[in-house]
Amino acid sequence: AILWAYEQGITRGNGEGGCDPDETVTRGDSVTFIYRALGGKLEGEIPFEDVDSGDYFFDAVLWAFIEGVTNGTDEDSFSPGYPCQKAHILTFLYRAYHM
């Protein structure tokens, strides 16, 4: 599964030639994986103060917000570094597939 995800461009590894499969997945990672698998680049404004245009997950968070995959953790925050619980990942997937 990891090799397939890498070959599909869903994950790009840790930058050191590895994947860190036992590492906790963050909210930023989760929407990035889903975005790379299903999403397309969108233009718009992002309402979250904790997401900057230079962040690797910027396009993914923008896509997820515009498409209704997530609203963030509150009105001004996405909390990209927070651990992403299984329930959140499954909710993101459900919403992404039912847009």
PDB file of N, CA and C in Angstrom:
ATOM      1  N   ALA A   1       0.824  -1.193   0.000  1.00  0.00           N
ATOM      2  CA  ALA A   1       0.000   0.000   0.000  1.00  0.00           C
ATOM      3  C   ALA A   1       0.869   1.258   0.000  1.00  0.00           C
ATOM      4  N   ILE A   2       1.959   1.237   0.756  1.00  0.00           N
ATOM      5  CA  ILE A   2       2.839   2.407   0.818  1.00  0.00           C
ATOM      6  C   ILE A   2       3.505   2.637  -0.529  1.00  0.00           C
ATOM      7  N   LEU A   3       3.993   1.574  -1.154  1.00  0.00           N
ATOM      8  CA  LEU A   3       4.617   1.704  -2.473  1.00  0.00           C
ATOM      9  C   LEU A   3       3.606   2.220  -3.488  1.00  0.00           C
ATOM     10  N   TRP A   4       2.382   1.681  -3.474  1.00  0.00           N
ATOM     11  CA  TRP A   4       1.342   2.136  -4.389  1.00  0.00           C
ATOM     12  C   TRP A   4       1.064   3.621  -4.177  1.00  0.00           C
ATOM     13  N   ALA A   5       0.899   4.053  -2.925  1.00  0.00           N
ATOM     14  CA  ALA A   5       0.614   5.458  -2.627  1.00  0.00           C
ATOM     15  C   ALA A   5       1.750   6.358  -3.098  1.00  0.00           C
ATOM     16  N   TYR A   6       2.975   5.900  -2.947  1.00  0.00           N
ATOM     17  CA  TYR A   6       4.129   6.663  -3.411  1.00  0.00           C
ATOM     18  C   TYR A   6       4.117   6.757  -4.938  1.00  0.00           C
ATOM     19  N   GLU A   7       3.881   5.638  -5.602  1.00  0.00           N
ATOM     20  CA  GLU A   7       3.859   5.617  -7.067  1.00  0.00           C
ATOM     21  C   GLU A   7       2.730   6.479  -7.632  1.00  0.00           C
ATOM     22  N   GLN A   8       1.632   6.599  -6.899  1.00  0.00           N
ATOM     23  CA  GLN A   8       0.492   7.402  -7.340  1.00  0.00           C
ATOM     24  C   GLN A   8       0.650   8.890  -6.993  1.00  0.00           C
ATOM     25  N   GLY A   9       1.697   9.228  -6.239  1.00  0.00           N
ATOM     26  CA  GLY A   9       1.916  10.611  -5.837  1.00  0.00           C
ATOM     27  C   GLY A   9       1.085  11.034  -4.641  1.00  0.00           C
ATOM     28  N   ILE A  10       0.475  10.085  -3.957  1.00  0.00           N
ATOM     29  CA  ILE A  10      -0.352  10.387  -2.795  1.00  0.00           C
ATOM     30  C   ILE A  10       0.517  10.731  -1.594  1.00  0.00           C
ATOM     31  N   THR A  11       1.632  10.054  -1.464  1.00  0.00           N
ATOM     32  CA  THR A  11       2.617  10.389  -0.444  1.00  0.00           C
ATOM     33  C   THR A  11       3.954  10.597  -1.136  1.00  0.00           C
ATOM     34  N   ARG A  12       4.753  11.447  -0.561  1.00  0.00           N
ATOM     35  CA  ARG A  12       6.070  11.725  -1.136  1.00  0.00           C
ATOM     36  C   ARG A  12       7.186  11.302  -0.185  1.00  0.00           C
ATOM     37  N   GLY A  13       6.808  10.587   0.868  1.00  0.00           N
ATOM     38  CA  GLY A  13       7.797  10.117   1.829  1.00  0.00           C
ATOM     39  C   GLY A  13       8.215  11.217   2.782  1.00  0.00           C
ATOM     40  N   ASN A  14       9.251  10.921   3.522  1.00  0.00           N
ATOM     41  CA  ASN A  14       9.701  11.858   4.553  1.00  0.00           C
ATOM     42  C   ASN A  14      10.844  12.753   4.095  1.00  0.00           C
ATOM     43  N   GLY A  15      11.219  12.676   2.834  1.00  0.00           N
ATOM     44  CA  GLY A  15      12.308  13.495   2.320  1.00  0.00           C
ATOM     45  C   GLY A  15      13.674  12.867   2.505  1.00  0.00           C
ATOM     46  N   GLU A  16      13.730  11.745   3.201  1.00  0.00           N
ATOM     47  CA  GLU A  16      14.990  11.057   3.447  1.00  0.00           C
ATOM     48  C   GLU A  16      14.974   9.661   2.840  1.00  0.00           C
ATOM     49  N   GLY A  17      14.079   9.433   1.892  1.00  0.00           N
ATOM     50  CA  GLY A  17      13.983   8.128   1.251  1.00  0.00           C
ATOM     51  C   GLY A  17      13.154   7.121   2.014  1.00  0.00           C
ATOM     52  N   GLY A  18      12.463   7.572   3.056  1.00  0.00           N
ATOM     53  CA  GLY A  18      11.643   6.669   3.856  1.00  0.00           C
ATOM     54  C   GLY A  18      10.208   7.154   3.942  1.00  0.00           C
ATOM     55  N   CYS A  19       9.431   6.431   4.737  1.00  0.00           N
ATOM     56  CA  CYS A  19       8.001   6.724   4.828  1.00  0.00           C
ATOM     57  C   CYS A  19       7.531   6.978   6.255  1.00  0.00           C
ATOM     58  N   ASP A  20       8.227   6.470   7.243  1.00  0.00           N
ATOM     59  CA  ASP A  20       7.806   6.572   8.641  1.00  0.00           C
ATOM     60  C   ASP A  20       6.396   6.017   8.841  1.00  0.00           C
ATOM     61  N   PRO A  21       6.153   4.745   8.507  1.00  0.00           N
ATOM     62  CA  PRO A  21       4.799   4.194   8.563  1.00  0.00           C
ATOM     63  C   PRO A  21       4.193   4.137   9.966  1.00  0.00           C
ATOM     64  N   ASP A  22       4.994   4.216  11.001  1.00  0.00           N
ATOM     65  CA  ASP A  22       4.464   4.173  12.359  1.00  0.00           C
ATOM     66  C   ASP A  22       4.223   5.559  12.946  1.00  0.00           C
ATOM     67  N   GLU A  23       4.527   6.597  12.177  1.00  0.00           N
ATOM     68  CA  GLU A  23       4.337   7.966  12.644  1.00  0.00           C
ATOM     69  C   GLU A  23       2.852   8.316  12.668  1.00  0.00           C
ATOM     70  N   THR A  24       2.447   9.130  13.625  1.00  0.00           N
ATOM     71  CA  THR A  24       1.070   9.589  13.713  1.00  0.00           C
ATOM     72  C   THR A  24       0.759  10.506  12.535  1.00  0.00           C
ATOM     73  N   VAL A  25      -0.394  10.319  11.946  1.00  0.00           N
ATOM     74  CA  VAL A  25      -0.820  11.141  10.820  1.00  0.00           C
ATOM     75  C   VAL A  25      -1.503  12.389  11.366  1.00  0.00           C
ATOM     76  N   THR A  26      -1.146  13.545  10.811  1.00  0.00           N
ATOM     77  CA  THR A  26      -1.737  14.802  11.241  1.00  0.00           C
ATOM     78  C   THR A  26      -2.934  15.156  10.353  1.00  0.00           C
ATOM     79  N   ARG A  27      -3.671  16.175  10.770  1.00  0.00           N
ATOM     80  CA  ARG A  27      -4.781  16.666   9.953  1.00  0.00           C
ATOM     81  C   ARG A  27      -4.268  17.169   8.608  1.00  0.00           C
ATOM     82  N   GLY A  28      -3.105  17.824   8.614  1.00  0.00           N
ATOM     83  CA  GLY A  28      -2.512  18.293   7.363  1.00  0.00           C
ATOM     84  C   GLY A  28      -2.156  17.143   6.440  1.00  0.00           C
ATOM     85  N   ASP A  29      -1.571  16.082   7.006  1.00  0.00           N
ATOM     86  CA  ASP A  29      -1.240  14.889   6.216  1.00  0.00           C
ATOM     87  C   ASP A  29      -2.495  14.252   5.631  1.00  0.00           C
ATOM     88  N   SER A  30      -3.515  14.106   6.460  1.00  0.00           N
ATOM     89  CA  SER A  30      -4.734  13.401   6.052  1.00  0.00           C
ATOM     90  C   SER A  30      -5.406  14.061   4.861  1.00  0.00           C
ATOM     91  N   VAL A  31      -5.623  15.378   4.938  1.00  0.00           N
ATOM     92  CA  VAL A  31      -6.280  16.023   3.802  1.00  0.00           C
ATOM     93  C   VAL A  31      -5.372  16.056   2.585  1.00  0.00           C
ATOM     94  N   THR A  32      -4.053  16.072   2.804  1.00  0.00           N
ATOM     95  CA  THR A  32      -3.120  16.039   1.678  1.00  0.00           C
ATOM     96  C   THR A  32      -3.209  14.707   0.951  1.00  0.00           C
ATOM     97  N   PHE A  33      -3.244  13.599   1.671  1.00  0.00           N
ATOM     98  CA  PHE A  33      -3.380  12.284   1.032  1.00  0.00           C
ATOM     99  C   PHE A  33      -4.659  12.211   0.206  1.00  0.00           C
ATOM    100  N   ILE A  34      -5.773  12.657   0.792  1.00  0.00           N
ATOM    101  CA  ILE A  34      -7.064  12.585   0.100  1.00  0.00           C
ATOM    102  C   ILE A  34      -7.069  13.516  -1.107  1.00  0.00           C
ATOM    103  N   TYR A  35      -6.529  14.712  -0.941  1.00  0.00           N
ATOM    104  CA  TYR A  35      -6.445  15.681  -2.038  1.00  0.00           C
ATOM    105  C   TYR A  35      -5.630  15.119  -3.200  1.00  0.00           C
ATOM    106  N   ARG A  36      -4.493  14.536  -2.893  1.00  0.00           N
ATOM    107  CA  ARG A  36      -3.644  13.986  -3.958  1.00  0.00           C
ATOM    108  C   ARG A  36      -4.301  12.802  -4.647  1.00  0.00           C
ATOM    109  N   ALA A  37      -5.136  12.075  -3.942  1.00  0.00           N
ATOM    110  CA  ALA A  37      -5.825  10.928  -4.528  1.00  0.00           C
ATOM    111  C   ALA A  37      -7.052  11.352  -5.340  1.00  0.00           C
ATOM    112  N   LEU A  38      -7.773  12.369  -4.877  1.00  0.00           N
ATOM    113  CA  LEU A  38      -9.070  12.704  -5.482  1.00  0.00           C
ATOM    114  C   LEU A  38      -9.216  14.130  -5.975  1.00  0.00           C
ATOM    115  N   GLY A  39      -8.467  15.035  -5.410  1.00  0.00           N
ATOM    116  CA  GLY A  39      -8.738  16.450  -5.604  1.00  0.00           C
ATOM    117  C   GLY A  39      -8.143  17.048  -6.851  1.00  0.00           C
ATOM    118  N   GLY A  40      -8.536  18.271  -7.054  1.00  0.00           N
ATOM    119  CA  GLY A  40      -7.996  19.079  -8.122  1.00  0.00           C
ATOM    120  C   GLY A  40      -7.753  20.475  -7.601  1.00  0.00           C
ATOM    121  N   LYS A  41      -6.779  21.144  -8.154  1.00  0.00           N
ATOM    122  CA  LYS A  41      -6.403  22.465  -7.664  1.00  0.00           C
ATOM    123  C   LYS A  41      -7.560  23.450  -7.839  1.00  0.00           C
ATOM    124  N   LEU A  42      -7.806  24.216  -6.791  1.00  0.00           N
ATOM    125  CA  LEU A  42      -8.864  25.221  -6.790  1.00  0.00           C
ATOM    126  C   LEU A  42      -8.270  26.570  -6.396  1.00  0.00           C
ATOM    127  N   GLU A  43      -8.920  27.609  -6.799  1.00  0.00           N
ATOM    128  CA  GLU A  43      -8.524  28.959  -6.401  1.00  0.00           C
ATOM    129  C   GLU A  43      -9.526  29.469  -5.375  1.00  0.00           C
ATOM    130  N   GLY A  44      -9.052  30.250  -4.438  1.00  0.00           N
ATOM    131  CA  GLY A  44      -9.937  30.828  -3.449  1.00  0.00           C
ATOM    132  C   GLY A  44      -9.170  31.284  -2.233  1.00  0.00           C
ATOM    133  N   GLU A  45      -9.896  31.790  -1.281  1.00  0.00           N
ATOM    134  CA  GLU A  45      -9.291  32.250  -0.032  1.00  0.00           C
ATOM    135  C   GLU A  45      -9.459  31.199   1.037  1.00  0.00           C
ATOM    136  N   ILE A  46      -8.431  31.077   1.834  1.00  0.00           N
ATOM    137  CA  ILE A  46      -8.469  30.121   2.932  1.00  0.00           C
ATOM    138  C   ILE A  46      -8.725  30.899   4.222  1.00  0.00           C
ATOM    139  N   PRO A  47      -9.686  30.475   5.025  1.00  0.00           N
ATOM    140  CA  PRO A  47     -10.045  31.247   6.215  1.00  0.00           C
ATOM    141  C   PRO A  47      -9.201  30.953   7.454  1.00  0.00           C
ATOM    142  N   PHE A  48      -8.260  30.043   7.346  1.00  0.00           N
ATOM    143  CA  PHE A  48      -7.535  29.589   8.521  1.00  0.00           C
ATOM    144  C   PHE A  48      -6.233  30.354   8.715  1.00  0.00           C
ATOM    145  N   GLU A  49      -6.046  30.894   9.911  1.00  0.00           N
ATOM    146  CA  GLU A  49      -4.848  31.667  10.223  1.00  0.00           C
ATOM    147  C   GLU A  49      -3.606  30.797  10.385  1.00  0.00           C
ATOM    148  N   ASP A  50      -3.781  29.497  10.575  1.00  0.00           N
ATOM    149  CA  ASP A  50      -2.644  28.606  10.807  1.00  0.00           C
ATOM    150  C   ASP A  50      -2.226  27.823   9.561  1.00  0.00           C
ATOM    151  N   VAL A  51      -2.664  28.276   8.388  1.00  0.00           N
ATOM    152  CA  VAL A  51      -2.285  27.652   7.123  1.00  0.00           C
ATOM    153  C   VAL A  51      -1.738  28.749   6.217  1.00  0.00           C
ATOM    154  N   ASP A  52      -0.461  28.614   5.827  1.00  0.00           N
ATOM    155  CA  ASP A  52       0.202  29.598   4.977  1.00  0.00           C
ATOM    156  C   ASP A  52       0.403  29.053   3.573  1.00  0.00           C
ATOM    157  N   SER A  53       0.492  29.940   2.608  1.00  0.00           N
ATOM    158  CA  SER A  53       0.609  29.530   1.203  1.00  0.00           C
ATOM    159  C   SER A  53       1.844  28.681   0.928  1.00  0.00           C
ATOM    160  N   GLY A  54       2.862  28.749   1.755  1.00  0.00           N
ATOM    161  CA  GLY A  54       4.072  27.951   1.559  1.00  0.00           C
ATOM    162  C   GLY A  54       4.016  26.565   2.185  1.00  0.00           C
ATOM    163  N   ASP A  55       2.972  26.272   2.919  1.00  0.00           N
ATOM    164  CA  ASP A  55       2.842  24.968   3.575  1.00  0.00           C
ATOM    165  C   ASP A  55       2.550  23.878   2.557  1.00  0.00           C
ATOM    166  N   TYR A  56       3.125  22.682   2.739  1.00  0.00           N
ATOM    167  CA  TYR A  56       2.919  21.582   1.796  1.00  0.00           C
ATOM    168  C   TYR A  56       1.453  21.188   1.691  1.00  0.00           C
ATOM    169  N   PHE A  57       0.685  21.476   2.702  1.00  0.00           N
ATOM    170  CA  PHE A  57      -0.724  21.079   2.738  1.00  0.00           C
ATOM    171  C   PHE A  57      -1.672  22.209   2.332  1.00  0.00           C
ATOM    172  N   PHE A  58      -1.143  23.365   1.904  1.00  0.00           N
ATOM    173  CA  PHE A  58      -1.991  24.517   1.596  1.00  0.00           C
ATOM    174  C   PHE A  58      -3.064  24.198   0.559  1.00  0.00           C
ATOM    175  N   ASP A  59      -2.666  23.688  -0.608  1.00  0.00           N
ATOM    176  CA  ASP A  59      -3.642  23.384  -1.666  1.00  0.00           C
ATOM    177  C   ASP A  59      -4.662  22.354  -1.195  1.00  0.00           C
ATOM    178  N   ALA A  60      -4.207  21.380  -0.418  1.00  0.00           N
ATOM    179  CA  ALA A  60      -5.105  20.336   0.082  1.00  0.00           C
ATOM    180  C   ALA A  60      -6.135  20.910   1.048  1.00  0.00           C
ATOM    181  N   VAL A  61      -5.711  21.780   1.946  1.00  0.00           N
ATOM    182  CA  VAL A  61      -6.637  22.375   2.903  1.00  0.00           C
ATOM    183  C   VAL A  61      -7.626  23.285   2.181  1.00  0.00           C
ATOM    184  N   LEU A  62      -7.137  24.064   1.221  1.00  0.00           N
ATOM    185  CA  LEU A  62      -8.026  24.923   0.441  1.00  0.00           C
ATOM    186  C   LEU A  62      -9.076  24.079  -0.280  1.00  0.00           C
ATOM    187  N   TRP A  63      -8.629  23.025  -0.938  1.00  0.00           N
ATOM    188  CA  TRP A  63      -9.546  22.114  -1.640  1.00  0.00           C
ATOM    189  C   TRP A  63     -10.564  21.518  -0.662  1.00  0.00           C
ATOM    190  N   ALA A  64     -10.076  21.014   0.472  1.00  0.00           N
ATOM    191  CA  ALA A  64     -10.957  20.377   1.449  1.00  0.00           C
ATOM    192  C   ALA A  64     -11.980  21.363   1.997  1.00  0.00           C
ATOM    193  N   PHE A  65     -11.575  22.599   2.215  1.00  0.00           N
ATOM    194  CA  PHE A  65     -12.505  23.610   2.717  1.00  0.00           C
ATOM    195  C   PHE A  65     -13.549  23.961   1.658  1.00  0.00           C
ATOM    196  N   ILE A  66     -13.111  24.263   0.443  1.00  0.00           N
ATOM    197  CA  ILE A  66     -14.036  24.658  -0.619  1.00  0.00           C
ATOM    198  C   ILE A  66     -15.012  23.530  -0.952  1.00  0.00           C
ATOM    199  N   GLU A  67     -14.531  22.289  -0.940  1.00  0.00           N
ATOM    200  CA  GLU A  67     -15.368  21.147  -1.308  1.00  0.00           C
ATOM    201  C   GLU A  67     -16.203  20.612  -0.138  1.00  0.00           C
ATOM    202  N   GLY A  68     -16.035  21.191   1.044  1.00  0.00           N
ATOM    203  CA  GLY A  68     -16.838  20.773   2.196  1.00  0.00           C
ATOM    204  C   GLY A  68     -16.353  19.509   2.875  1.00  0.00           C
ATOM    205  N   VAL A  69     -15.102  19.135   2.636  1.00  0.00           N
ATOM    206  CA  VAL A  69     -14.532  17.955   3.291  1.00  0.00           C
ATOM    207  C   VAL A  69     -14.271  18.238   4.764  1.00  0.00           C
ATOM    208  N   THR A  70     -13.893  19.470   5.082  1.00  0.00           N
ATOM    209  CA  THR A  70     -13.689  19.887   6.469  1.00  0.00           C
ATOM    210  C   THR A  70     -13.922  21.375   6.595  1.00  0.00           C
ATOM    211  N   ASN A  71     -14.335  21.783   7.780  1.00  0.00           N
ATOM    212  CA  ASN A  71     -14.494  23.207   8.084  1.00  0.00           C
ATOM    213  C   ASN A  71     -13.388  23.713   8.986  1.00  0.00           C
ATOM    214  N   GLY A  72     -12.487  22.839   9.399  1.00  0.00           N
ATOM    215  CA  GLY A  72     -11.453  23.219  10.347  1.00  0.00           C
ATOM    216  C   GLY A  72     -11.866  22.863  11.765  1.00  0.00           C
ATOM    217  N   THR A  73     -10.994  23.187  12.705  1.00  0.00           N
ATOM    218  CA  THR A  73     -11.284  22.874  14.100  1.00  0.00           C
ATOM    219  C   THR A  73     -12.046  23.994  14.795  1.00  0.00           C
ATOM    220  N   ASP A  74     -11.982  25.196  14.242  1.00  0.00           N
ATOM    221  CA  ASP A  74     -12.829  26.309  14.643  1.00  0.00           C
ATOM    222  C   ASP A  74     -12.852  27.299  13.484  1.00  0.00           C
ATOM    223  N   GLU A  75     -13.462  28.441  13.677  1.00  0.00           N
ATOM    224  CA  GLU A  75     -13.656  29.396  12.594  1.00  0.00           C
ATOM    225  C   GLU A  75     -12.352  29.881  11.958  1.00  0.00           C
ATOM    226  N   ASP A  76     -11.285  30.010  12.753  1.00  0.00           N
ATOM    227  CA  ASP A  76     -10.027  30.566  12.268  1.00  0.00           C
ATOM    228  C   ASP A  76      -8.884  29.570  12.180  1.00  0.00           C
ATOM    229  N   SER A  77      -9.104  28.311  12.559  1.00  0.00           N
ATOM    230  CA  SER A  77      -8.008  27.342  12.635  1.00  0.00           C
ATOM    231  C   SER A  77      -8.340  26.035  11.933  1.00  0.00           C
ATOM    232  N   PHE A  78      -7.335  25.519  11.264  1.00  0.00           N
ATOM    233  CA  PHE A  78      -7.436  24.175  10.701  1.00  0.00           C
ATOM    234  C   PHE A  78      -6.725  23.170  11.603  1.00  0.00           C
ATOM    235  N   SER A  79      -5.708  23.620  12.314  1.00  0.00           N
ATOM    236  CA  SER A  79      -4.900  22.785  13.218  1.00  0.00           C
ATOM    237  C   SER A  79      -4.197  21.663  12.456  1.00  0.00           C
ATOM    238  N   PRO A  80      -3.376  22.023  11.463  1.00  0.00           N
ATOM    239  CA  PRO A  80      -2.751  21.021  10.608  1.00  0.00           C
ATOM    240  C   PRO A  80      -1.814  20.066  11.318  1.00  0.00           C
ATOM    241  N   GLY A  81      -1.239  20.458  12.443  1.00  0.00           N
ATOM    242  CA  GLY A  81      -0.308  19.594  13.154  1.00  0.00           C
ATOM    243  C   GLY A  81      -0.955  18.672  14.168  1.00  0.00           C
ATOM    244  N   TYR A  82      -2.255  18.823  14.396  1.00  0.00           N
ATOM    245  CA  TYR A  82      -2.952  17.965  15.357  1.00  0.00           C
ATOM    246  C   TYR A  82      -3.013  16.540  14.833  1.00  0.00           C
ATOM    247  N   PRO A  83      -2.916  15.568  15.716  1.00  0.00           N
ATOM    248  CA  PRO A  83      -3.107  14.170  15.291  1.00  0.00           C
ATOM    249  C   PRO A  83      -4.511  14.008  14.713  1.00  0.00           C
ATOM    250  N   CYS A  84      -4.616  13.192  13.706  1.00  0.00           N
ATOM    251  CA  CYS A  84      -5.910  12.972  13.063  1.00  0.00           C
ATOM    252  C   CYS A  84      -6.449  11.612  13.472  1.00  0.00           C
ATOM    253  N   GLN A  85      -7.537  11.638  14.194  1.00  0.00           N
ATOM    254  CA  GLN A  85      -8.141  10.397  14.661  1.00  0.00           C
ATOM    255  C   GLN A  85      -8.822   9.665  13.510  1.00  0.00           C
ATOM    256  N   LYS A  86      -8.956   8.368  13.689  1.00  0.00           N
ATOM    257  CA  LYS A  86      -9.586   7.530  12.666  1.00  0.00           C
ATOM    258  C   LYS A  86     -10.955   8.072  12.264  1.00  0.00           C
ATOM    259  N   ALA A  87     -11.745   8.524  13.235  1.00  0.00           N
ATOM    260  CA  ALA A  87     -13.079   9.053  12.936  1.00  0.00           C
ATOM    261  C   ALA A  87     -13.004  10.273  12.021  1.00  0.00           C
ATOM    262  N   HIS A  88     -11.990  11.113  12.218  1.00  0.00           N
ATOM    263  CA  HIS A  88     -11.838  12.292  11.372  1.00  0.00           C
ATOM    264  C   HIS A  88     -11.451  11.888   9.951  1.00  0.00           C
ATOM    265  N   ILE A  89     -10.511  10.970   9.828  1.00  0.00           N
ATOM    266  CA  ILE A  89     -10.093  10.527   8.499  1.00  0.00           C
ATOM    267  C   ILE A  89     -11.264   9.911   7.749  1.00  0.00           C
ATOM    268  N   LEU A  90     -12.037   9.087   8.425  1.00  0.00           N
ATOM    269  CA  LEU A  90     -13.185   8.459   7.772  1.00  0.00           C
ATOM    270  C   LEU A  90     -14.245   9.497   7.401  1.00  0.00           C
ATOM    271  N   THR A  91     -14.420  10.519   8.230  1.00  0.00           N
ATOM    272  CA  THR A  91     -15.353  11.594   7.900  1.00  0.00           C
ATOM    273  C   THR A  91     -14.865  12.363   6.684  1.00  0.00           C
ATOM    274  N   PHE A  92     -13.575  12.666   6.635  1.00  0.00           N
ATOM    275  CA  PHE A  92     -13.010  13.339   5.463  1.00  0.00           C
ATOM    276  C   PHE A  92     -13.253  12.506   4.207  1.00  0.00           C
ATOM    277  N   LEU A  93     -12.981  11.214   4.285  1.00  0.00           N
ATOM    278  CA  LEU A  93     -13.186  10.339   3.130  1.00  0.00           C
ATOM    279  C   LEU A  93     -14.648  10.296   2.713  1.00  0.00           C
ATOM    280  N   TYR A  94     -15.538  10.153   3.676  1.00  0.00           N
ATOM    281  CA  TYR A  94     -16.965  10.110   3.376  1.00  0.00           C
ATOM    282  C   TYR A  94     -17.402  11.370   2.641  1.00  0.00           C
ATOM    283  N   ARG A  95     -17.007  12.520   3.175  1.00  0.00           N
ATOM    284  CA  ARG A  95     -17.383  13.787   2.544  1.00  0.00           C
ATOM    285  C   ARG A  95     -16.737  13.950   1.171  1.00  0.00           C
ATOM    286  N   ALA A  96     -15.491  13.524   1.026  1.00  0.00           N
ATOM    287  CA  ALA A  96     -14.813  13.643  -0.264  1.00  0.00           C
ATOM    288  C   ALA A  96     -15.494  12.804  -1.333  1.00  0.00           C
ATOM    289  N   TYR A  97     -15.964  11.645  -0.975  1.00  0.00           N
ATOM    290  CA  TYR A  97     -16.616  10.763  -1.935  1.00  0.00           C
ATOM    291  C   TYR A  97     -18.083  11.120  -2.161  1.00  0.00           C
ATOM    292  N   HIS A  98     -18.659  11.923  -1.288  1.00  0.00           N
ATOM    293  CA  HIS A  98     -20.069  12.294  -1.415  1.00  0.00           C
ATOM    294  C   HIS A  98     -20.246  13.777  -1.663  1.00  0.00           C
ATOM    295  N   MET A  99     -19.282  14.397  -2.355  1.00  0.00           N
ATOM    296  CA  MET A  99     -19.366  15.832  -2.650  1.00  0.00           C
ATOM    297  C   MET A  99     -20.409  16.052  -3.719  1.00  0.00           C
TER     298      MET A  99
END
